[in-house]
């Protein structure tokens, strides 16, 4: 048995554990056995080609029966059409309420499979087995499951907690470099939310993290999971505090949507969005200019963008207005007064538009 870290998310009857390890994917079957003896693995062909054999052997040793359902890779497949196709296949397999759905992959798979689990037969149990950095530190945790709408990301969804999140950081070794760096945007986000100590640690150790130092990967995944877990425990349904986790997402989601989720990864859009949020904080007089530069420097060192390319500014602005954070004539923004001091404010459209021009 490999060494593992356990982070518990205390949500009463919906409590679950996040298991973080290195080389622990082959332990998955023994954990699933405690939840169900029959299940379905939803993944994409690329991920299945990498880890399908390990999953098959692990589930086989534990005596867990399962079927594999594939979904094509890409944000465009996180849709009601894909969900409907999965419902048809689950019905064909006679999957029942006591059976388990296993989401193996990145954020798209986790969100889509979780949405299907939440809505099929009014809810069947599911677990998250995230294989990308972004999913391991953020999207697999907290129970937000959704599909996209042409007018906005994650507009059709619900809250539905997994029974378990099982993380093997070794899967990051097969992740394309661009996707790993995109996942680092969420790590950077959490560092700014956590405070100066964590931010300084990230700046100091960035090169070793980018070189996939195993102990550092375990640390940053654990720290992000602990932070998000604490927030979710206090505000599971996103009625207040949990909104701080959307730092960088107001501009970011709008950029993704304006580009039809093509040519830009989620983390890349969030990177730009964090710079925009920092600029808003600066314009309000809360922070000095060096705060924006600190964002830009850290993102640049990670080879992440801080400028918008290819998206029409008017379309981005329209998407912000359509976004679920809209409130009347103002938009709810997550801002920072300093590292570790997030605030939520309603910002006028005129300021949002003015800052948007600076992101080009």
Protein backbone atom coordinates (compact mmCIF):
# COMPACT_ATOMS: atom_id res chain seq x y z
CA UNK A 1 0.00 0.00 0.00
CA UNK A 2 1.36 3.42 -0.95
CA UNK A 3 1.47 6.36 1.44
CA UNK A 4 -1.65 8.46 1.15
CA UNK A 5 -3.10 11.68 2.48
CA UNK A 6 -6.76 11.89 3.48
CA UNK A 7 -8.72 15.12 3.47
CA UNK A 8 -12.24 14.85 4.86
CA UNK A 9 -15.11 17.06 3.68
CA UNK A 10 -17.67 17.21 6.50
CA UNK A 11 -21.16 17.67 5.06
CA UNK A 12 -23.29 15.59 7.40
CA UNK A 13 -24.89 12.71 5.52
CA UNK A 14 -23.08 13.80 2.36
CA UNK A 15 -19.60 13.75 3.92
CA UNK A 16 -16.81 12.09 1.96
CA UNK A 17 -13.04 11.73 1.85
CA UNK A 18 -10.48 12.92 -0.67
CA UNK A 19 -7.69 10.35 -0.91
CA UNK A 20 -4.43 11.74 -2.34
CA UNK A 21 -1.54 9.45 -3.17
CA UNK A 22 1.24 8.61 -5.56
CA UNK A 23 0.78 5.32 -7.41
CA UNK A 24 -2.49 4.51 -5.66
CA UNK A 25 -4.74 4.10 -8.71
CA UNK A 26 -4.49 0.32 -8.40
CA UNK A 27 -6.12 0.58 -4.95
CA UNK A 28 -9.34 1.96 -6.43
CA UNK A 29 -11.19 -1.36 -6.55
CA UNK A 30 -10.94 -2.04 -2.83
CA UNK A 31 -12.42 1.39 -2.09
CA UNK A 32 -15.23 1.03 -4.61
CA UNK A 33 -16.16 -2.36 -3.16
CA UNK A 34 -17.24 -0.57 0.04
CA UNK A 35 -19.68 1.57 -1.94
CA UNK A 36 -21.09 -0.75 -4.63
CA UNK A 37 -20.37 -4.03 -6.41
CA UNK A 38 -21.61 -2.97 -9.83
CA UNK A 39 -20.77 0.18 -11.73
CA UNK A 40 -20.01 2.13 -14.86
CA UNK A 41 -16.77 3.92 -15.70
CA UNK A 42 -17.24 7.07 -17.80
CA UNK A 43 -14.08 8.35 -19.45
CA UNK A 44 -12.68 9.45 -22.79
CA UNK A 45 -10.68 7.13 -25.07
CA UNK A 46 -7.34 8.85 -24.42
CA UNK A 47 -7.61 8.48 -20.65
CA UNK A 48 -8.93 4.93 -20.94
CA UNK A 49 -6.02 3.94 -23.16
CA UNK A 50 -3.64 5.18 -20.46
CA UNK A 51 -5.35 3.83 -17.34
CA UNK A 52 -8.05 1.40 -18.45
CA UNK A 53 -5.94 -1.68 -17.82
CA UNK A 54 -5.05 -0.54 -14.30
CA UNK A 55 -8.72 0.18 -13.57
CA UNK A 56 -9.84 -3.16 -15.00
CA UNK A 57 -7.30 -5.09 -12.94
CA UNK A 58 -8.07 -3.17 -9.74
CA UNK A 59 -11.83 -3.58 -10.05
CA UNK A 60 -11.39 -7.22 -11.06
CA UNK A 61 -9.32 -8.03 -7.95
CA UNK A 62 -12.03 -6.47 -5.79
CA UNK A 63 -14.81 -8.36 -7.54
CA UNK A 64 -16.49 -5.20 -8.81
CA UNK A 65 -18.42 -5.65 -12.06
CA UNK A 66 -18.38 -2.68 -14.40
CA UNK A 67 -18.98 -1.40 -17.92
CA UNK A 68 -16.95 1.29 -19.70
CA UNK A 69 -18.76 4.16 -21.44
CA UNK A 70 -16.73 6.54 -23.56
CA UNK A 71 -17.25 10.26 -24.15
CA UNK A 72 -15.24 12.20 -26.71
CA UNK A 73 -12.65 14.64 -25.37
CA UNK A 74 -13.38 18.37 -25.36
CA UNK A 75 -15.52 21.02 -23.65
CA UNK A 76 -18.03 20.87 -26.52
CA UNK A 77 -19.01 17.38 -25.35
CA UNK A 78 -20.03 18.64 -21.91
CA UNK A 79 -23.56 19.08 -23.16
CA UNK A 80 -27.15 17.96 -22.72
CA UNK A 81 -26.73 15.92 -25.91
CA UNK A 82 -23.87 13.94 -24.36
CA UNK A 83 -25.84 13.52 -21.14
CA UNK A 84 -28.83 12.21 -23.09
CA UNK A 85 -26.65 9.68 -24.90
CA UNK A 86 -25.28 8.47 -21.58
CA UNK A 87 -28.80 8.12 -20.14
CA UNK A 88 -29.69 5.88 -23.08
CA UNK A 89 -26.66 3.70 -22.48
CA UNK A 90 -27.29 3.46 -18.74
CA UNK A 91 -30.89 2.40 -19.42
CA UNK A 92 -29.61 -0.18 -21.89
CA UNK A 93 -27.28 -1.59 -19.26
CA UNK A 94 -30.13 -1.66 -16.71
CA UNK A 95 -28.14 0.45 -14.24
CA UNK A 96 -30.07 0.82 -10.98
CA UNK A 97 -30.04 3.30 -8.11
CA UNK A 98 -27.63 1.25 -6.04
CA UNK A 99 -25.05 1.03 -8.82
CA UNK A 100 -22.01 3.29 -8.96
CA UNK A 101 -20.88 5.75 -11.61
CA UNK A 102 -17.11 6.33 -11.77
CA UNK A 103 -15.85 9.53 -13.42
CA UNK A 104 -12.33 8.93 -14.71
CA UNK A 105 -10.69 11.95 -16.32
CA UNK A 106 -10.51 15.72 -16.17
CA UNK A 107 -13.03 18.43 -15.44
CA UNK A 108 -15.23 17.78 -18.47
CA UNK A 109 -15.68 14.12 -17.57
CA UNK A 110 -16.17 14.90 -13.89
CA UNK A 111 -18.78 17.59 -14.51
CA UNK A 112 -20.67 15.59 -17.15
CA UNK A 113 -20.59 12.26 -15.34
CA UNK A 114 -21.53 13.92 -12.06
CA UNK A 115 -24.49 15.65 -13.73
CA UNK A 116 -25.63 12.35 -15.21
CA UNK A 117 -25.28 10.63 -11.81
CA UNK A 118 -27.28 13.40 -10.12
CA UNK A 119 -30.17 13.19 -12.60
CA UNK A 120 -30.35 9.53 -13.66
CA UNK A 121 -33.15 7.84 -11.68
CA UNK A 122 -33.15 10.96 -9.44
CA UNK A 123 -29.61 10.23 -8.36
CA UNK A 124 -27.16 7.34 -8.21
CA UNK A 125 -23.87 7.31 -6.27
CA UNK A 126 -20.70 8.42 -8.04
CA UNK A 127 -17.04 8.92 -7.33
CA UNK A 128 -14.45 11.21 -8.87
CA UNK A 129 -11.12 9.84 -10.13
CA UNK A 130 -9.52 13.02 -11.50
CA UNK A 131 -6.51 12.63 -13.79
CA UNK A 132 -5.71 16.29 -14.56
CA UNK A 133 -4.22 18.89 -12.24
CA UNK A 134 -7.20 21.20 -12.63
CA UNK A 135 -9.62 18.44 -11.68
CA UNK A 136 -7.46 17.23 -8.79
CA UNK A 137 -7.17 20.64 -7.14
CA UNK A 138 -10.59 22.05 -7.96
CA UNK A 139 -13.38 20.67 -10.13
CA UNK A 140 -13.61 17.17 -8.60
CA UNK A 141 -14.27 18.63 -5.14
CA UNK A 142 -17.40 20.27 -3.82
CA UNK A 143 -20.24 18.65 -5.73
CA UNK A 144 -20.82 21.21 -8.48
CA UNK A 145 -21.86 19.19 -11.53
CA UNK A 146 -23.08 20.68 -14.78
CA UNK A 147 -23.20 20.84 -18.54
CA UNK A 148 -22.70 23.90 -20.70
CA UNK A 149 -25.25 25.95 -22.63
CA UNK A 150 -24.35 27.88 -25.80
CA UNK A 151 -24.84 31.09 -23.84
CA UNK A 152 -22.62 30.17 -20.92
CA UNK A 153 -20.47 27.64 -19.13
CA UNK A 154 -22.04 25.40 -16.47
CA UNK A 155 -25.46 27.04 -16.85
CA UNK A 156 -27.35 23.74 -16.45
CA UNK A 157 -26.35 21.91 -13.29
CA UNK A 158 -26.87 21.12 -9.65
CA UNK A 159 -25.10 20.32 -6.40
CA UNK A 160 -24.44 16.61 -5.97
CA UNK A 161 -21.62 15.35 -3.79
CA UNK A 162 -19.45 12.36 -4.73
CA UNK A 163 -19.04 9.43 -2.39
CA UNK A 164 -15.25 9.62 -2.76
CA UNK A 165 -12.54 11.56 -4.58
CA UNK A 166 -9.57 9.29 -5.39
CA UNK A 167 -6.45 11.14 -6.58
CA UNK A 168 -3.23 9.62 -7.94
CA UNK A 169 -0.75 12.41 -8.74
CA UNK A 170 1.22 10.01 -10.94
CA UNK A 171 -1.43 10.55 -13.62
CA UNK A 172 -0.03 14.06 -14.04
CA UNK A 173 3.09 12.56 -15.63
CA UNK A 174 1.09 11.66 -18.75
CA UNK A 175 -0.74 14.98 -18.88
CA UNK A 176 0.20 17.19 -21.86
CA UNK A 177 2.37 20.08 -20.68
CA UNK A 178 -0.12 22.71 -21.79
CA UNK A 179 -2.90 21.08 -19.76
CA UNK A 180 -0.69 20.80 -16.70
CA UNK A 181 0.20 24.49 -16.92
CA UNK A 182 -3.46 25.35 -17.40
CA UNK A 183 -4.22 23.45 -14.19
CA UNK A 184 -1.59 25.55 -12.45
CA UNK A 185 -3.90 28.55 -12.92
CA UNK A 186 -6.20 27.06 -10.29
CA UNK A 187 -3.23 26.38 -8.00
CA UNK A 188 -2.21 30.03 -8.40
CA UNK A 189 -5.79 31.07 -7.66
CA UNK A 190 -5.78 29.14 -4.40
CA UNK A 191 -2.43 30.63 -3.41
CA UNK A 192 -3.80 34.16 -3.81
CA UNK A 193 -6.90 33.18 -1.82
CA UNK A 194 -4.91 31.40 0.91
CA UNK A 195 -2.51 34.22 1.68
CA UNK A 196 1.04 35.51 1.54
CA UNK A 197 2.71 32.41 2.99
CA UNK A 198 1.27 30.05 0.39
CA UNK A 199 1.81 32.53 -2.42
CA UNK A 200 5.47 32.98 -1.52
CA UNK A 201 5.91 29.19 -1.30
CA UNK A 202 4.48 28.81 -4.79
CA UNK A 203 6.71 31.53 -6.23
CA UNK A 204 9.78 29.97 -4.63
CA UNK A 205 9.06 26.39 -5.72
CA UNK A 206 7.39 27.01 -9.08
CA UNK A 207 10.16 25.55 -11.25
CA UNK A 208 10.31 22.30 -9.27
CA UNK A 209 6.51 21.99 -9.39
CA UNK A 210 6.56 22.49 -13.16
CA UNK A 211 9.18 19.73 -13.30
CA UNK A 212 6.69 17.43 -11.50
CA UNK A 213 8.51 17.05 -8.20
CA UNK A 214 6.41 14.32 -6.55
CA UNK A 215 6.50 15.64 -2.98
CA UNK A 216 5.60 19.16 -4.14
CA UNK A 217 2.73 17.86 -6.27
CA UNK A 218 1.32 16.01 -3.26
CA UNK A 219 1.64 19.18 -1.20
CA UNK A 220 -0.04 21.57 -3.62
CA UNK A 221 -2.89 19.14 -4.32
CA UNK A 222 -3.41 18.63 -0.58
CA UNK A 223 -3.34 22.36 0.18
CA UNK A 224 -5.86 23.16 -2.55
CA UNK A 225 -8.16 20.31 -1.47
CA UNK A 226 -7.98 21.41 2.16
CA UNK A 227 -8.79 25.01 1.27
CA UNK A 228 -11.71 24.15 -0.96
CA UNK A 229 -12.97 21.54 1.49
CA UNK A 230 -13.09 24.12 4.30
CA UNK A 231 -15.01 26.57 2.13
CA UNK A 232 -17.48 23.94 0.91
CA UNK A 233 -18.14 22.79 4.48
CA UNK A 234 -19.20 26.34 5.37
CA UNK A 235 -21.18 27.06 2.20
CA UNK A 236 -22.04 23.92 0.25
CA UNK A 237 -24.72 25.53 -1.95
CA UNK A 238 -22.74 28.62 -2.95
CA UNK A 239 -24.89 31.17 -1.12
CA UNK A 240 -22.05 33.36 0.10
CA UNK A 241 -18.51 32.38 1.08
CA UNK A 242 -18.06 29.76 -1.65
CA UNK A 243 -18.25 32.51 -4.25
CA UNK A 244 -14.63 33.43 -3.41
CA UNK A 245 -13.57 30.26 -5.28
CA UNK A 246 -14.67 32.06 -8.47
CA UNK A 247 -11.69 34.41 -8.34
CA UNK A 248 -10.80 35.06 -11.97
CA UNK A 249 -13.87 33.26 -13.29
CA UNK A 250 -16.09 36.20 -14.23
CA UNK A 251 -13.88 37.34 -17.08
CA UNK A 252 -12.56 33.80 -17.55
CA UNK A 253 -15.90 32.09 -18.18
CA UNK A 254 -16.95 34.89 -20.52
CA UNK A 255 -13.75 34.54 -22.57
CA UNK A 256 -14.26 30.78 -22.90
CA UNK A 257 -17.87 31.20 -23.93
CA UNK A 258 -17.10 33.98 -26.43
CA UNK A 259 -14.58 31.65 -28.08
CA UNK A 260 -17.08 28.75 -28.09
CA UNK A 261 -14.65 26.88 -25.81
CA UNK A 262 -12.22 26.48 -28.71
CA UNK A 263 -8.54 27.42 -28.82
CA UNK A 264 -8.32 28.18 -25.11
CA UNK A 265 -8.24 25.91 -22.06
CA UNK A 266 -10.25 26.66 -18.93
CA UNK A 267 -7.16 27.41 -16.84
CA UNK A 268 -5.80 29.75 -19.51
CA UNK A 269 -9.04 31.74 -19.46
CA UNK A 270 -9.00 31.86 -15.64
CA UNK A 271 -5.41 33.13 -15.73
CA UNK A 272 -6.52 36.11 -17.82
CA UNK A 273 -9.56 36.53 -15.60
CA UNK A 274 -7.41 36.78 -12.46
CA UNK A 275 -5.42 39.61 -14.03
CA UNK A 276 -8.70 41.36 -14.82
CA UNK A 277 -9.92 40.91 -11.24
CA UNK A 278 -6.61 42.24 -9.90
CA UNK A 279 -6.98 45.29 -12.18
CA UNK A 280 -10.48 45.92 -10.81
CA UNK A 281 -9.10 45.71 -7.27
CA UNK A 282 -6.42 48.21 -8.23
CA UNK A 283 -8.90 50.61 -9.81
CA UNK A 284 -10.95 50.53 -6.60
CA UNK A 285 -7.82 51.61 -4.74
CA UNK A 286 -7.52 48.47 -2.66
CA UNK A 287 -4.13 47.34 -3.96
CA UNK A 288 -1.06 48.92 -5.52
CA UNK A 289 0.17 48.38 -9.06
CA UNK A 290 2.66 45.75 -7.97
CA UNK A 291 -0.25 43.47 -7.11
CA UNK A 292 -1.28 43.22 -10.75
CA UNK A 293 2.33 42.68 -11.81
CA UNK A 294 2.67 39.88 -9.26
CA UNK A 295 -0.16 38.07 -11.01
CA UNK A 296 1.34 38.67 -14.43
CA UNK A 297 4.83 37.55 -13.37
CA UNK A 298 3.63 34.32 -11.78
CA UNK A 299 1.42 33.51 -14.75
CA UNK A 300 4.17 34.35 -17.24
CA UNK A 301 6.64 32.14 -15.37
CA UNK A 302 4.08 29.35 -15.71
CA UNK A 303 3.69 30.16 -19.42
CA UNK A 304 0.06 31.12 -18.95
CA UNK A 305 -1.56 34.03 -20.82
CA UNK A 306 -2.54 37.34 -19.28
CA UNK A 307 -3.99 38.94 -22.42
CA UNK A 308 -7.08 38.05 -24.47
CA UNK A 309 -6.55 36.97 -28.04
CA UNK A 310 -9.17 36.17 -30.66
CA UNK A 311 -12.32 36.97 -28.69
CA UNK A 312 -14.43 39.98 -29.66
CA UNK A 313 -14.56 42.44 -26.71
CA UNK A 314 -18.28 43.12 -27.18
CA UNK A 315 -19.01 39.41 -27.17
CA UNK A 316 -16.98 38.89 -23.99
CA UNK A 317 -18.89 41.74 -22.32
CA UNK A 318 -22.23 40.29 -23.42
CA UNK A 319 -21.25 36.92 -21.99
CA UNK A 320 -20.36 38.52 -18.64
CA UNK A 321 -23.84 40.03 -18.48
CA UNK A 322 -25.35 36.61 -19.29
CA UNK A 323 -23.18 34.86 -16.71
CA UNK A 324 -24.86 33.45 -13.62
CA UNK A 325 -23.07 36.00 -11.44
CA UNK A 326 -25.07 38.91 -12.92
CA UNK A 327 -27.15 41.05 -10.55
CA UNK A 328 -29.27 43.70 -12.24
CA UNK A 329 -27.10 46.43 -13.73
CA UNK A 330 -24.02 45.29 -11.81
CA UNK A 331 -21.91 42.16 -11.82
CA UNK A 332 -20.82 40.23 -8.76
CA UNK A 333 -17.01 40.05 -8.72
CA UNK A 334 -14.56 38.24 -6.49
CA UNK A 335 -11.73 40.64 -5.71
CA UNK A 336 -8.74 40.78 -3.37
CA UNK A 337 -7.68 43.48 -0.95
CA UNK A 338 -4.45 41.52 -0.42
CA UNK A 339 -3.36 37.89 -0.67
CA UNK A 340 -5.69 35.97 1.65
CA UNK A 341 -8.28 38.77 1.80
CA UNK A 342 -10.98 37.99 -0.79
CA UNK A 343 -14.11 40.13 -0.98
CA UNK A 344 -17.27 39.91 -3.06
CA UNK A 345 -18.55 43.14 -4.59
CA UNK A 346 -21.09 44.31 -7.13
CA UNK A 347 -19.18 46.14 -9.88
CA UNK A 348 -20.65 48.56 -12.40
CA UNK A 349 -20.68 47.55 -16.02
CA UNK A 350 -18.73 50.65 -17.03
CA UNK A 351 -15.75 49.61 -14.92
CA UNK A 352 -15.94 46.04 -16.17
CA UNK A 353 -15.87 47.30 -19.75
CA UNK A 354 -12.99 49.68 -19.05
CA UNK A 355 -10.86 46.92 -17.49
CA UNK A 356 -11.76 44.58 -20.33
CA UNK A 357 -10.01 46.89 -22.82
CA UNK A 358 -6.82 46.61 -20.74
CA UNK A 359 -6.85 42.83 -21.15
CA UNK A 360 -6.21 43.12 -24.90
